[in-house]
Amino acid sequence: MSRTVRELAALVRGRVTGDPDVPITAARPLGDAEEGQITFLDGDRHLQELAQSRASAFVVPEAMPAAGRSLIHVADPLAAFVTIYRVFHGLEEDRPTGIDPRAVIHPTAQIGPDVTIGPYACVGERTVIGRRGRLHAGVVVARHCQIGEDAILYPHAVLYDGTVLGKRVIVHAHAVLGADGFGYRFQDGRHIKVPQQGRVEIGDDVEIGACSTIDRGTFQATIVQTGTKIDNLVMIGHNCRIGPHNLFVSQSGIAGSCTTGAYVVLAGQSGIADHLHLGDRAVIGAKAGVLRDVAAGVRVLGSPAAPEREQKRVFILLDKLPELHRDVKRIKRHLGMSDENNAA
């Protein structure tokens, strides 16, 4: 397949500078693009790479000056490049195929129009699936669940009883929503399970990554509000109330009964202790261990987590410890003091 720069610009409503008739046969990232291919730049910091690139055309920001190359100027280069990339390399759209005869659907379940259910998927008693929902192979949806319009559940995702998904929710493979919260009482020398009677409620436009888990509440619901995006391998404990438009990065975990405001970010491998609140736009750095509430707009690092500026000073001092240790040894030798406890 070959398209001219002019044709690609029309596709993304862009403005061409340079030769509009250059033929393009593929789209590639900037560092990989070769002659006959198109790539993109999302800012001036890549101008030197543009000059060195072998690519035949570039998708660039509106304000970028002409550079003697074939350029397509757009407001959002990444979004435009994604559209162009799909022309050359995108998979065919996954069209609805109806209900596979190998799926198991309880007779009381309500299946909306244009729903696709793959082989070996199971849908439980009185579950409701909204229009255009898609359940891939091996998905398990238990009893009394509600799945909103245009939701997608990828292979082997599991919804326990009573789980609610809003519109356009995406649940990736092997994610588990609604498993029992980790609640026990210590009695007579044993850990006695506290029954978990709540459920999980997921708002509109939430995405949940592969192998992530969200536990049901003890008596109330565990809630994830609209627009939150959850990466792979993330754990959300029971009774949590996650605010709108949060970002939880891979291997982060949030213990039971926590709450978050809007636009909170948990970086990779961060951990939040139970019964804490993270305010609007709080940012938890990678591998941070949070043991107390974090106020709105505050960025924290380290374990135990502390405000970013304070923790960065600690990191700088830690880097200087070996030198400080050597200085202390020299001073002690100069003073004739014993150095028996300093093996290094």
C-alpha atoms as a PDB file:
ATOM      1  CA  MET A   1       0.000   0.000   0.000  1.00  0.00           C
ATOM      2  CA  SER A   2       1.267   3.459  -0.891  1.00  0.00           C
ATOM      3  CA  ARG A   3      -0.179   6.877  -0.028  1.00  0.00           C
ATOM      4  CA  THR A   4       1.115  10.327  -0.890  1.00  0.00           C
ATOM      5  CA  VAL A   5       1.862  12.915   1.783  1.00  0.00           C
ATOM      6  CA  ARG A   6      -1.049  14.931   0.373  1.00  0.00           C
ATOM      7  CA  GLU A   7      -3.474  12.023   0.926  1.00  0.00           C
ATOM      8  CA  LEU A   8      -2.237  11.435   4.477  1.00  0.00           C
ATOM      9  CA  ALA A   9      -2.540  15.140   5.287  1.00  0.00           C
ATOM     10  CA  ALA A  10      -6.140  15.131   4.102  1.00  0.00           C
ATOM     11  CA  LEU A  11      -6.805  12.127   6.339  1.00  0.00           C
ATOM     12  CA  VAL A  12      -5.667  14.012   9.462  1.00  0.00           C
ATOM     13  CA  ARG A  13      -6.737  17.494   8.284  1.00  0.00           C
ATOM     14  CA  GLY A  14      -3.176  18.699   8.254  1.00  0.00           C
ATOM     15  CA  ARG A  15      -1.296  21.380   6.324  1.00  0.00           C
ATOM     16  CA  VAL A  16       1.579  20.326   4.042  1.00  0.00           C
ATOM     17  CA  THR A  17       4.880  22.098   3.567  1.00  0.00           C
ATOM     18  CA  GLY A  18       7.448  20.617   1.216  1.00  0.00           C
ATOM     19  CA  ASP A  19       6.684  18.106  -1.513  1.00  0.00           C
ATOM     20  CA  PRO A  20       3.093  16.798  -1.130  1.00  0.00           C
ATOM     21  CA  ASP A  21       3.517  14.031  -3.694  1.00  0.00           C
ATOM     22  CA  VAL A  22       6.155  11.981  -1.891  1.00  0.00           C
ATOM     23  CA  PRO A  23       4.957   8.357  -1.760  1.00  0.00           C
ATOM     24  CA  ILE A  24       4.756   6.751   1.689  1.00  0.00           C
ATOM     25  CA  THR A  25       4.562   3.010   2.295  1.00  0.00           C
ATOM     26  CA  ALA A  26       4.850   2.710   6.090  1.00  0.00           C
ATOM     27  CA  ALA A  27       4.762   4.624   9.388  1.00  0.00           C
ATOM     28  CA  ARG A  28       7.519   4.170  11.978  1.00  0.00           C
ATOM     29  CA  PRO A  29       8.815   5.844  15.187  1.00  0.00           C
ATOM     30  CA  LEU A  30      11.399   8.569  14.654  1.00  0.00           C
ATOM     31  CA  GLY A  31      14.434   6.446  15.454  1.00  0.00           C
ATOM     32  CA  ASP A  32      13.351   3.593  13.152  1.00  0.00           C
ATOM     33  CA  ALA A  33      11.909   5.391  10.121  1.00  0.00           C
ATOM     34  CA  GLU A  34      13.613   4.860   6.759  1.00  0.00           C
ATOM     35  CA  GLU A  35      13.244   6.281   3.271  1.00  0.00           C
ATOM     36  CA  GLY A  36       9.685   5.944   1.980  1.00  0.00           C
ATOM     37  CA  GLN A  37       8.264   6.047   5.512  1.00  0.00           C
ATOM     38  CA  ILE A  38       6.601   8.696   7.667  1.00  0.00           C
ATOM     39  CA  THR A  39       7.255   9.479  11.336  1.00  0.00           C
ATOM     40  CA  PHE A  40       6.320  12.215  13.815  1.00  0.00           C
ATOM     41  CA  LEU A  41       7.836  14.838  16.121  1.00  0.00           C
ATOM     42  CA  ASP A  42       5.900  16.152  19.104  1.00  0.00           C
ATOM     43  CA  GLY A  43       8.086  19.176  19.870  1.00  0.00           C
ATOM     44  CA  ASP A  44      11.118  21.291  19.044  1.00  0.00           C
ATOM     45  CA  ARG A  45      13.411  19.085  21.154  1.00  0.00           C
ATOM     46  CA  HIS A  46      13.532  16.590  18.264  1.00  0.00           C
ATOM     47  CA  LEU A  47      14.573  19.091  15.579  1.00  0.00           C
ATOM     48  CA  GLN A  48      18.125  17.741  15.433  1.00  0.00           C
ATOM     49  CA  GLU A  49      16.767  14.218  14.961  1.00  0.00           C
ATOM     50  CA  LEU A  50      14.590  15.477  12.112  1.00  0.00           C
ATOM     51  CA  ALA A  51      17.672  16.716  10.298  1.00  0.00           C
ATOM     52  CA  GLN A  52      19.395  13.345  10.761  1.00  0.00           C
ATOM     53  CA  SER A  53      16.391  11.119  10.031  1.00  0.00           C
ATOM     54  CA  ARG A  54      16.127   9.079   6.834  1.00  0.00           C
ATOM     55  CA  ALA A  55      12.310   9.328   6.874  1.00  0.00           C
ATOM     56  CA  SER A  56      10.633  10.838   3.818  1.00  0.00           C
ATOM     57  CA  ALA A  57       7.910  12.743   5.696  1.00  0.00           C
ATOM     58  CA  PHE A  58       7.089  13.961   9.199  1.00  0.00           C
ATOM     59  CA  VAL A  59       3.974  14.792  11.198  1.00  0.00           C
ATOM     60  CA  VAL A  60       4.847  17.909  13.218  1.00  0.00           C
ATOM     61  CA  PRO A  61       3.230  20.604  15.398  1.00  0.00           C
ATOM     62  CA  GLU A  62       1.439  23.473  13.679  1.00  0.00           C
ATOM     63  CA  ALA A  63       4.066  26.064  14.583  1.00  0.00           C
ATOM     64  CA  MET A  64       7.128  24.106  13.471  1.00  0.00           C
ATOM     65  CA  PRO A  65       8.882  25.952  10.630  1.00  0.00           C
ATOM     66  CA  ALA A  66       9.458  24.395   7.238  1.00  0.00           C
ATOM     67  CA  ALA A  67      12.707  22.447   7.211  1.00  0.00           C
ATOM     68  CA  GLY A  68      13.239  21.519   3.579  1.00  0.00           C
ATOM     69  CA  ARG A  69      11.421  18.223   4.196  1.00  0.00           C
ATOM     70  CA  SER A  70       7.862  17.054   3.560  1.00  0.00           C
ATOM     71  CA  LEU A  71       5.946  18.008   6.694  1.00  0.00           C
ATOM     72  CA  ILE A  72       2.323  17.580   7.765  1.00  0.00           C
ATOM     73  CA  HIS A  73       1.461  20.278  10.319  1.00  0.00           C
ATOM     74  CA  VAL A  74      -1.281  19.365  12.821  1.00  0.00           C
ATOM     75  CA  ALA A  75      -2.437  20.445  16.275  1.00  0.00           C
ATOM     76  CA  ASP A  76      -1.773  17.030  17.837  1.00  0.00           C
ATOM     77  CA  PRO A  77       1.069  15.136  16.090  1.00  0.00           C
ATOM     78  CA  LEU A  78       0.752  11.978  18.192  1.00  0.00           C
ATOM     79  CA  ALA A  79      -2.977  11.582  17.554  1.00  0.00           C
ATOM     80  CA  ALA A  80      -2.504  12.267  13.841  1.00  0.00           C
ATOM     81  CA  PHE A  81       0.358   9.777  13.617  1.00  0.00           C
ATOM     82  CA  VAL A  82      -1.765   7.102  15.312  1.00  0.00           C
ATOM     83  CA  THR A  83      -4.399   7.611  12.597  1.00  0.00           C
ATOM     84  CA  ILE A  84      -1.777   7.364   9.859  1.00  0.00           C
ATOM     85  CA  TYR A  85      -0.131   4.348  11.476  1.00  0.00           C
ATOM     86  CA  ARG A  86      -3.434   2.481  11.410  1.00  0.00           C
ATOM     87  CA  VAL A  87      -3.721   3.074   7.678  1.00  0.00           C
ATOM     88  CA  PHE A  88      -0.546   1.079   7.092  1.00  0.00           C
ATOM     89  CA  HIS A  89      -0.335  -1.304  10.049  1.00  0.00           C
ATOM     90  CA  GLY A  90      -3.584  -1.337  11.998  1.00  0.00           C
ATOM     91  CA  LEU A  91      -5.556  -4.497  12.614  1.00  0.00           C
ATOM     92  CA  GLU A  92      -8.987  -4.752  11.086  1.00  0.00           C
ATOM     93  CA  GLU A  93     -11.709  -3.454  13.347  1.00  0.00           C
ATOM     94  CA  ASP A  94     -13.150  -6.117  15.645  1.00  0.00           C
ATOM     95  CA  ARG A  95     -16.711  -6.359  14.348  1.00  0.00           C
ATOM     96  CA  PRO A  96     -19.594  -7.777  16.390  1.00  0.00           C
ATOM     97  CA  THR A  97     -20.099 -11.484  15.781  1.00  0.00           C
ATOM     98  CA  GLY A  98     -23.015 -12.292  18.070  1.00  0.00           C
ATOM     99  CA  ILE A  99     -23.048 -14.995  20.725  1.00  0.00           C
ATOM    100  CA  ASP A 100     -20.828 -18.008  20.226  1.00  0.00           C
ATOM    101  CA  PRO A 101     -22.744 -21.278  20.687  1.00  0.00           C
ATOM    102  CA  ARG A 102     -20.079 -22.461  23.109  1.00  0.00           C
ATOM    103  CA  ALA A 103     -20.808 -19.618  25.535  1.00  0.00           C
ATOM    104  CA  VAL A 104     -22.872 -20.408  28.655  1.00  0.00           C
ATOM    105  CA  ILE A 105     -25.553 -17.818  29.416  1.00  0.00           C
ATOM    106  CA  HIS A 106     -28.083 -18.122  32.233  1.00  0.00           C
ATOM    107  CA  PRO A 107     -31.667 -17.886  30.934  1.00  0.00           C
ATOM    108  CA  THR A 108     -32.410 -14.941  33.261  1.00  0.00           C
ATOM    109  CA  ALA A 109     -29.498 -12.852  31.943  1.00  0.00           C
ATOM    110  CA  GLN A 110     -30.424  -9.819  29.842  1.00  0.00           C
ATOM    111  CA  ILE A 111     -28.273  -9.381  26.765  1.00  0.00           C
ATOM    112  CA  GLY A 112     -28.540  -6.050  24.934  1.00  0.00           C
ATOM    113  CA  PRO A 113     -28.480  -5.542  21.160  1.00  0.00           C
ATOM    114  CA  ASP A 114     -25.269  -5.984  19.172  1.00  0.00           C
ATOM    115  CA  VAL A 115     -23.479  -7.767  22.023  1.00  0.00           C
ATOM    116  CA  THR A 116     -20.589 -10.091  21.209  1.00  0.00           C
ATOM    117  CA  ILE A 117     -19.852 -13.040  23.513  1.00  0.00           C
ATOM    118  CA  GLY A 118     -16.943 -15.318  22.688  1.00  0.00           C
ATOM    119  CA  PRO A 119     -16.459 -19.050  23.127  1.00  0.00           C
ATOM    120  CA  TYR A 120     -16.516 -20.486  26.672  1.00  0.00           C
ATOM    121  CA  ALA A 121     -17.570 -17.182  28.216  1.00  0.00           C
ATOM    122  CA  CYS A 122     -20.023 -17.558  31.115  1.00  0.00           C
ATOM    123  CA  VAL A 123     -22.778 -15.090  32.065  1.00  0.00           C
ATOM    124  CA  GLY A 124     -24.555 -15.613  35.368  1.00  0.00           C
ATOM    125  CA  GLU A 125     -28.058 -15.279  36.737  1.00  0.00           C
ATOM    126  CA  ARG A 126     -29.821 -11.908  36.255  1.00  0.00           C
ATOM    127  CA  THR A 127     -26.738 -10.246  34.855  1.00  0.00           C
ATOM    128  CA  VAL A 128     -27.386  -7.368  32.441  1.00  0.00           C
ATOM    129  CA  ILE A 129     -25.087  -6.583  29.504  1.00  0.00           C
ATOM    130  CA  GLY A 130     -25.635  -3.280  27.704  1.00  0.00           C
ATOM    131  CA  ARG A 131     -25.670  -2.755  23.970  1.00  0.00           C
ATOM    132  CA  ARG A 132     -22.496  -3.368  21.992  1.00  0.00           C
ATOM    133  CA  GLY A 133     -20.756  -4.991  24.940  1.00  0.00           C
ATOM    134  CA  ARG A 134     -17.968  -7.426  24.055  1.00  0.00           C
ATOM    135  CA  LEU A 135     -16.980 -10.435  26.135  1.00  0.00           C
ATOM    136  CA  HIS A 136     -13.968 -12.263  24.734  1.00  0.00           C
ATOM    137  CA  ALA A 137     -13.234 -15.967  25.103  1.00  0.00           C
ATOM    138  CA  GLY A 138     -13.279 -17.401  28.603  1.00  0.00           C
ATOM    139  CA  VAL A 139     -14.678 -14.336  30.358  1.00  0.00           C
ATOM    140  CA  VAL A 140     -16.632 -15.134  33.536  1.00  0.00           C
ATOM    141  CA  VAL A 141     -19.391 -12.754  34.626  1.00  0.00           C
ATOM    142  CA  ALA A 142     -21.104 -14.012  37.770  1.00  0.00           C
ATOM    143  CA  ARG A 143     -24.608 -13.317  39.096  1.00  0.00           C
ATOM    144  CA  HIS A 144     -26.381  -9.951  39.297  1.00  0.00           C
ATOM    145  CA  CYS A 145     -23.678  -8.031  37.456  1.00  0.00           C
ATOM    146  CA  GLN A 146     -24.337  -4.945  35.344  1.00  0.00           C
ATOM    147  CA  ILE A 147     -22.189  -4.128  32.317  1.00  0.00           C
ATOM    148  CA  GLY A 148     -22.657  -0.786  30.557  1.00  0.00           C
ATOM    149  CA  GLU A 149     -22.811   0.015  26.874  1.00  0.00           C
ATOM    150  CA  ASP A 150     -19.661  -0.505  24.781  1.00  0.00           C
ATOM    151  CA  ALA A 151     -17.776  -2.217  27.606  1.00  0.00           C
ATOM    152  CA  ILE A 152     -15.033  -4.665  26.610  1.00  0.00           C
ATOM    153  CA  LEU A 153     -13.858  -7.621  28.688  1.00  0.00           C
ATOM    154  CA  TYR A 154     -10.765  -9.338  27.309  1.00  0.00           C
ATOM    155  CA  PRO A 155     -10.045 -13.080  27.642  1.00  0.00           C
ATOM    156  CA  HIS A 156     -10.421 -14.631  31.095  1.00  0.00           C
ATOM    157  CA  ALA A 157     -11.399 -11.445  32.879  1.00  0.00           C
ATOM    158  CA  VAL A 158     -13.553 -12.295  35.918  1.00  0.00           C
ATOM    159  CA  LEU A 159     -16.399 -10.326  37.501  1.00  0.00           C
ATOM    160  CA  TYR A 160     -17.645 -11.703  40.819  1.00  0.00           C
ATOM    161  CA  ASP A 161     -21.281 -11.393  41.933  1.00  0.00           C
ATOM    162  CA  GLY A 162     -22.814  -7.942  41.838  1.00  0.00           C
ATOM    163  CA  THR A 163     -19.999  -6.141  40.005  1.00  0.00           C
ATOM    164  CA  VAL A 164     -21.107  -2.998  38.151  1.00  0.00           C
ATOM    165  CA  LEU A 165     -19.279  -1.605  35.095  1.00  0.00           C
ATOM    166  CA  GLY A 166     -20.156   1.752  33.546  1.00  0.00           C
ATOM    167  CA  LYS A 167     -20.134   2.666  29.883  1.00  0.00           C
ATOM    168  CA  ARG A 168     -17.037   2.108  27.753  1.00  0.00           C
ATOM    169  CA  VAL A 169     -15.154   0.325  30.522  1.00  0.00           C
ATOM    170  CA  ILE A 170     -12.229  -1.834  29.370  1.00  0.00           C
ATOM    171  CA  VAL A 171     -11.122  -4.799  31.484  1.00  0.00           C
ATOM    172  CA  HIS A 172      -7.997  -6.536  30.229  1.00  0.00           C
ATOM    173  CA  ALA A 173      -7.128 -10.221  30.381  1.00  0.00           C
ATOM    174  CA  HIS A 174      -7.095 -12.011  33.746  1.00  0.00           C
ATOM    175  CA  ALA A 175      -8.179  -8.976  35.744  1.00  0.00           C
ATOM    176  CA  VAL A 176     -10.396  -9.933  38.706  1.00  0.00           C
ATOM    177  CA  LEU A 177     -13.075  -7.574  39.989  1.00  0.00           C
ATOM    178  CA  GLY A 178     -15.043  -8.324  43.139  1.00  0.00           C
ATOM    179  CA  ALA A 179     -12.960 -10.990  44.857  1.00  0.00           C
ATOM    180  CA  ASP A 180     -13.235 -10.989  48.656  1.00  0.00           C
ATOM    181  CA  GLY A 181     -11.438  -8.256  50.540  1.00  0.00           C
ATOM    182  CA  PHE A 182      -8.608  -9.341  52.826  1.00  0.00           C
ATOM    183  CA  GLY A 183     -10.509  -9.129  56.105  1.00  0.00           C
ATOM    184  CA  TYR A 184      -9.992 -11.370  59.167  1.00  0.00           C
ATOM    185  CA  ARG A 185     -10.548 -11.305  62.934  1.00  0.00           C
ATOM    186  CA  PHE A 186      -8.094 -12.984  65.278  1.00  0.00           C
ATOM    187  CA  GLN A 187     -10.114 -15.200  67.577  1.00  0.00           C
ATOM    188  CA  ASP A 188      -9.150 -18.201  69.736  1.00  0.00           C
ATOM    189  CA  GLY A 189      -5.730 -18.377  68.122  1.00  0.00           C
ATOM    190  CA  ARG A 190      -7.062 -18.401  64.564  1.00  0.00           C
ATOM    191  CA  HIS A 191      -7.713 -15.904  61.775  1.00  0.00           C
ATOM    192  CA  ILE A 192     -11.486 -15.926  61.208  1.00  0.00           C
ATOM    193  CA  LYS A 193     -12.729 -14.626  57.860  1.00  0.00           C
ATOM    194  CA  VAL A 194     -14.955 -11.539  57.927  1.00  0.00           C
ATOM    195  CA  PRO A 195     -17.658 -12.079  55.273  1.00  0.00           C
ATOM    196  CA  GLN A 196     -17.325  -9.621  52.397  1.00  0.00           C
ATOM    197  CA  GLN A 197     -20.880  -8.573  51.512  1.00  0.00           C
ATOM    198  CA  GLY A 198     -20.249  -5.475  49.365  1.00  0.00           C
ATOM    199  CA  ARG A 199     -19.484  -5.214  45.673  1.00  0.00           C
ATOM    200  CA  VAL A 200     -17.328  -3.342  43.135  1.00  0.00           C
ATOM    201  CA  GLU A 201     -18.638  -0.366  41.135  1.00  0.00           C
ATOM    202  CA  ILE A 202     -16.643   0.955  38.178  1.00  0.00           C
ATOM    203  CA  GLY A 203     -17.526   4.318  36.575  1.00  0.00           C
ATOM    204  CA  ASP A 204     -17.650   5.235  32.899  1.00  0.00           C
ATOM    205  CA  ASP A 205     -14.491   5.250  30.752  1.00  0.00           C
ATOM    206  CA  VAL A 206     -12.350   3.360  33.267  1.00  0.00           C
ATOM    207  CA  GLU A 207      -9.625   1.022  31.960  1.00  0.00           C
ATOM    208  CA  ILE A 208      -8.291  -1.831  34.093  1.00  0.00           C
ATOM    209  CA  GLY A 209      -5.038  -3.529  33.117  1.00  0.00           C
ATOM    210  CA  ALA A 210      -4.201  -7.200  32.795  1.00  0.00           C
ATOM    211  CA  CYS A 211      -3.962  -9.204  36.020  1.00  0.00           C
ATOM    212  CA  SER A 212      -5.119  -6.295  38.185  1.00  0.00           C
ATOM    213  CA  THR A 213      -7.452  -6.909  41.118  1.00  0.00           C
ATOM    214  CA  ILE A 214     -10.144  -4.804  42.784  1.00  0.00           C
ATOM    215  CA  ASP A 215     -11.683  -6.320  45.920  1.00  0.00           C
ATOM    216  CA  ARG A 216     -15.323  -6.035  46.939  1.00  0.00           C
ATOM    217  CA  GLY A 217     -16.200  -4.013  50.015  1.00  0.00           C
ATOM    218  CA  THR A 218     -17.018  -5.557  53.367  1.00  0.00           C
ATOM    219  CA  PHE A 219     -20.513  -4.067  53.543  1.00  0.00           C
ATOM    220  CA  GLN A 220     -20.425  -1.147  51.099  1.00  0.00           C
ATOM    221  CA  ALA A 221     -19.037  -0.929  47.560  1.00  0.00           C
ATOM    222  CA  THR A 222     -15.448  -0.495  46.482  1.00  0.00           C
ATOM    223  CA  ILE A 223     -15.726   2.336  43.951  1.00  0.00           C
ATOM    224  CA  VAL A 224     -13.563   3.501  41.037  1.00  0.00           C
ATOM    225  CA  GLN A 225     -14.893   6.717  39.542  1.00  0.00           C
ATOM    226  CA  THR A 226     -15.107   7.967  35.967  1.00  0.00           C
ATOM    227  CA  GLY A 227     -12.035   8.141  33.752  1.00  0.00           C
ATOM    228  CA  THR A 228      -9.524   6.443  36.039  1.00  0.00           C
ATOM    229  CA  LYS A 229      -6.870   4.364  34.263  1.00  0.00           C
ATOM    230  CA  ILE A 230      -5.343   1.356  36.023  1.00  0.00           C
ATOM    231  CA  ASP A 231      -2.232  -0.338  34.657  1.00  0.00           C
ATOM    232  CA  ASN A 232      -1.383  -4.047  34.735  1.00  0.00           C
ATOM    233  CA  LEU A 233      -0.708  -5.793  38.062  1.00  0.00           C
ATOM    234  CA  VAL A 234      -2.350  -3.182  40.275  1.00  0.00           C
ATOM    235  CA  MET A 235      -4.089  -4.073  43.568  1.00  0.00           C
ATOM    236  CA  ILE A 236      -6.988  -2.051  45.041  1.00  0.00           C
ATOM    237  CA  GLY A 237      -8.175  -3.246  48.447  1.00  0.00           C
ATOM    238  CA  HIS A 238     -11.683  -3.482  49.833  1.00  0.00           C
ATOM    239  CA  ASN A 239     -13.803  -0.425  50.736  1.00  0.00           C
ATOM    240  CA  CYS A 240     -11.597   1.949  48.717  1.00  0.00           C
ATOM    241  CA  ARG A 241     -13.176   4.924  46.969  1.00  0.00           C
ATOM    242  CA  ILE A 242     -10.989   5.939  44.033  1.00  0.00           C
ATOM    243  CA  GLY A 243     -11.676   9.386  42.585  1.00  0.00           C
ATOM    244  CA  PRO A 244     -12.101  10.407  38.954  1.00  0.00           C
ATOM    245  CA  HIS A 245      -9.268  10.460  36.401  1.00  0.00           C
ATOM    246  CA  ASN A 246      -6.622   8.838  38.600  1.00  0.00           C
ATOM    247  CA  LEU A 247      -3.607   7.060  37.084  1.00  0.00           C
ATOM    248  CA  PHE A 248      -2.333   3.922  38.855  1.00  0.00           C
ATOM    249  CA  VAL A 249       0.873   2.567  37.330  1.00  0.00           C
ATOM    250  CA  SER A 250       1.973  -1.071  37.236  1.00  0.00           C
ATOM    251  CA  GLN A 251       2.573  -2.920  40.529  1.00  0.00           C
ATOM    252  CA  SER A 252       1.184  -0.127  42.655  1.00  0.00           C
ATOM    253  CA  GLY A 253      -1.067  -1.157  45.510  1.00  0.00           C
ATOM    254  CA  ILE A 254      -3.586   0.603  47.690  1.00  0.00           C
ATOM    255  CA  ALA A 255      -4.746  -1.034  50.905  1.00  0.00           C
ATOM    256  CA  GLY A 256      -8.295  -1.199  52.208  1.00  0.00           C
ATOM    257  CA  SER A 257     -10.538   1.763  53.068  1.00  0.00           C
ATOM    258  CA  CYS A 258      -8.419   4.380  51.294  1.00  0.00           C
ATOM    259  CA  THR A 259      -9.853   7.322  49.381  1.00  0.00           C
ATOM    260  CA  THR A 260      -8.394   9.456  46.622  1.00  0.00           C
ATOM    261  CA  GLY A 261      -9.378  12.765  45.058  1.00  0.00           C
ATOM    262  CA  ALA A 262      -9.298  13.632  41.370  1.00  0.00           C
ATOM    263  CA  TYR A 263      -6.245  13.256  39.112  1.00  0.00           C
ATOM    264  CA  VAL A 264      -4.139  11.370  41.649  1.00  0.00           C
ATOM    265  CA  VAL A 265      -1.079   9.523  40.284  1.00  0.00           C
ATOM    266  CA  LEU A 266       0.472   6.380  41.786  1.00  0.00           C
ATOM    267  CA  ALA A 267       3.790   5.618  40.088  1.00  0.00           C
ATOM    268  CA  GLY A 268       5.132   2.091  39.672  1.00  0.00           C
ATOM    269  CA  GLN A 269       5.515  -0.136  42.752  1.00  0.00           C
ATOM    270  CA  SER A 270       4.180   2.511  45.112  1.00  0.00           C
ATOM    271  CA  GLY A 271       2.229   1.306  48.139  1.00  0.00           C
ATOM    272  CA  ILE A 272      -0.476   3.026  50.174  1.00  0.00           C
ATOM    273  CA  ALA A 273      -1.258   1.893  53.729  1.00  0.00           C
ATOM    274  CA  ASP A 274      -4.884   1.398  54.767  1.00  0.00           C
ATOM    275  CA  HIS A 275      -7.378   4.114  55.811  1.00  0.00           C
ATOM    276  CA  LEU A 276      -5.483   6.968  54.140  1.00  0.00           C
ATOM    277  CA  HIS A 277      -6.616   9.822  51.900  1.00  0.00           C
ATOM    278  CA  LEU A 278      -4.732  11.174  48.879  1.00  0.00           C
ATOM    279  CA  GLY A 279      -5.895  14.662  47.907  1.00  0.00           C
ATOM    280  CA  ASP A 280      -6.637  15.989  44.428  1.00  0.00           C
ATOM    281  CA  ARG A 281      -3.624  15.856  42.089  1.00  0.00           C
ATOM    282  CA  ALA A 282      -1.357  14.221  44.653  1.00  0.00           C
ATOM    283  CA  VAL A 283       1.554  12.364  43.034  1.00  0.00           C
ATOM    284  CA  ILE A 284       3.093   9.296  44.675  1.00  0.00           C
ATOM    285  CA  GLY A 285       6.571   8.561  43.314  1.00  0.00           C
ATOM    286  CA  ALA A 286       7.851   5.168  42.200  1.00  0.00           C
ATOM    287  CA  LYS A 287       8.414   2.688  45.064  1.00  0.00           C
ATOM    288  CA  ALA A 288       7.133   5.197  47.612  1.00  0.00           C
ATOM    289  CA  GLY A 289       5.615   3.783  50.795  1.00  0.00           C
ATOM    290  CA  VAL A 290       2.832   6.076  52.014  1.00  0.00           C
ATOM    291  CA  LEU A 291       2.007   5.795  55.720  1.00  0.00           C
ATOM    292  CA  ARG A 292      -0.029   8.978  56.234  1.00  0.00           C
ATOM    293  CA  ASP A 293      -2.456  11.187  54.310  1.00  0.00           C
ATOM    294  CA  VAL A 294      -1.117  13.202  51.380  1.00  0.00           C
ATOM    295  CA  ALA A 295      -2.596  16.659  50.885  1.00  0.00           C
ATOM    296  CA  ALA A 296      -3.908  17.963  47.579  1.00  0.00           C
ATOM    297  CA  GLY A 297      -1.208  18.798  45.049  1.00  0.00           C
ATOM    298  CA  VAL A 298       1.648  17.333  47.099  1.00  0.00           C
ATOM    299  CA  ARG A 299       4.290  15.118  45.478  1.00  0.00           C
ATOM    300  CA  VAL A 300       5.964  12.506  47.683  1.00  0.00           C
ATOM    301  CA  LEU A 301       8.911  10.133  47.292  1.00  0.00           C
ATOM    302  CA  GLY A 302      10.680   7.457  49.298  1.00  0.00           C
ATOM    303  CA  SER A 303       9.728   5.005  52.001  1.00  0.00           C
ATOM    304  CA  PRO A 304       8.374   6.190  54.300  1.00  0.00           C
ATOM    305  CA  ALA A 305       7.138   8.771  51.818  1.00  0.00           C
ATOM    306  CA  ALA A 306       7.979  12.437  52.381  1.00  0.00           C
ATOM    307  CA  PRO A 307       7.467  15.600  50.303  1.00  0.00           C
ATOM    308  CA  GLU A 308       9.500  15.510  47.110  1.00  0.00           C
ATOM    309  CA  ARG A 309      11.848  18.419  47.908  1.00  0.00           C
ATOM    310  CA  GLU A 310      12.654  17.059  51.364  1.00  0.00           C
ATOM    311  CA  GLN A 311      13.204  13.545  50.067  1.00  0.00           C
ATOM    312  CA  LYS A 312      15.485  14.708  47.257  1.00  0.00           C
ATOM    313  CA  ARG A 313      17.755  16.321  49.865  1.00  0.00           C
ATOM    314  CA  VAL A 314      17.894  12.958  51.644  1.00  0.00           C
ATOM    315  CA  PHE A 315      18.810  11.182  48.387  1.00  0.00           C
ATOM    316  CA  ILE A 316      21.638  13.674  47.779  1.00  0.00           C
ATOM    317  CA  LEU A 317      22.972  13.129  51.282  1.00  0.00           C
ATOM    318  CA  LEU A 318      22.793   9.359  50.865  1.00  0.00           C
ATOM    319  CA  ASP A 319      24.993   9.654  47.782  1.00  0.00           C
ATOM    320  CA  LYS A 320      27.559  11.492  49.920  1.00  0.00           C
ATOM    321  CA  LEU A 321      27.604   8.942  52.755  1.00  0.00           C
ATOM    322  CA  PRO A 322      30.608   6.920  51.471  1.00  0.00           C
ATOM    323  CA  GLU A 323      32.681  10.099  51.213  1.00  0.00           C
ATOM    324  CA  LEU A 324      31.490  11.219  54.649  1.00  0.00           C
ATOM    325  CA  HIS A 325      32.368   7.807  56.048  1.00  0.00           C
ATOM    326  CA  ARG A 326      35.915   8.073  54.681  1.00  0.00           C
ATOM    327  CA  ASP A 327      36.269  11.574  56.138  1.00  0.00           C
ATOM    328  CA  VAL A 328      35.185  10.372  59.578  1.00  0.00           C
ATOM    329  CA  LYS A 329      37.751   7.543  59.446  1.00  0.00           C
ATOM    330  CA  ARG A 330      40.543   9.997  58.547  1.00  0.00           C
ATOM    331  CA  ILE A 331      39.535  12.355  61.357  1.00  0.00           C
ATOM    332  CA  LYS A 332      39.451   9.514  63.889  1.00  0.00           C
ATOM    333  CA  ARG A 333      42.889   8.281  62.810  1.00  0.00           C
ATOM    334  CA  HIS A 334      44.230  11.834  63.074  1.00  0.00           C
ATOM    335  CA  LEU A 335      42.846  12.079  66.612  1.00  0.00           C
ATOM    336  CA  GLY A 336      44.166   8.658  67.537  1.00  0.00           C
ATOM    337  CA  MET A 337      40.688   7.257  68.078  1.00  0.00           C
ATOM    338  CA  SER A 338      39.805   3.602  67.602  1.00  0.00           C
ATOM    339  CA  ASP A 339      38.184   2.694  64.279  1.00  0.00           C
ATOM    340  CA  GLU A 340      37.114  -0.840  65.197  1.00  0.00           C
ATOM    341  CA  ASN A 341      33.462  -0.363  64.178  1.00  0.00           C
ATOM    342  CA  ASN A 342      34.320   0.925  60.693  1.00  0.00           C
ATOM    343  CA  ALA A 343      35.084  -2.125  58.605  1.00  0.00           C
ATOM    344  CA  ALA A 344      34.911  -0.310  55.268  1.00  0.00           C
END
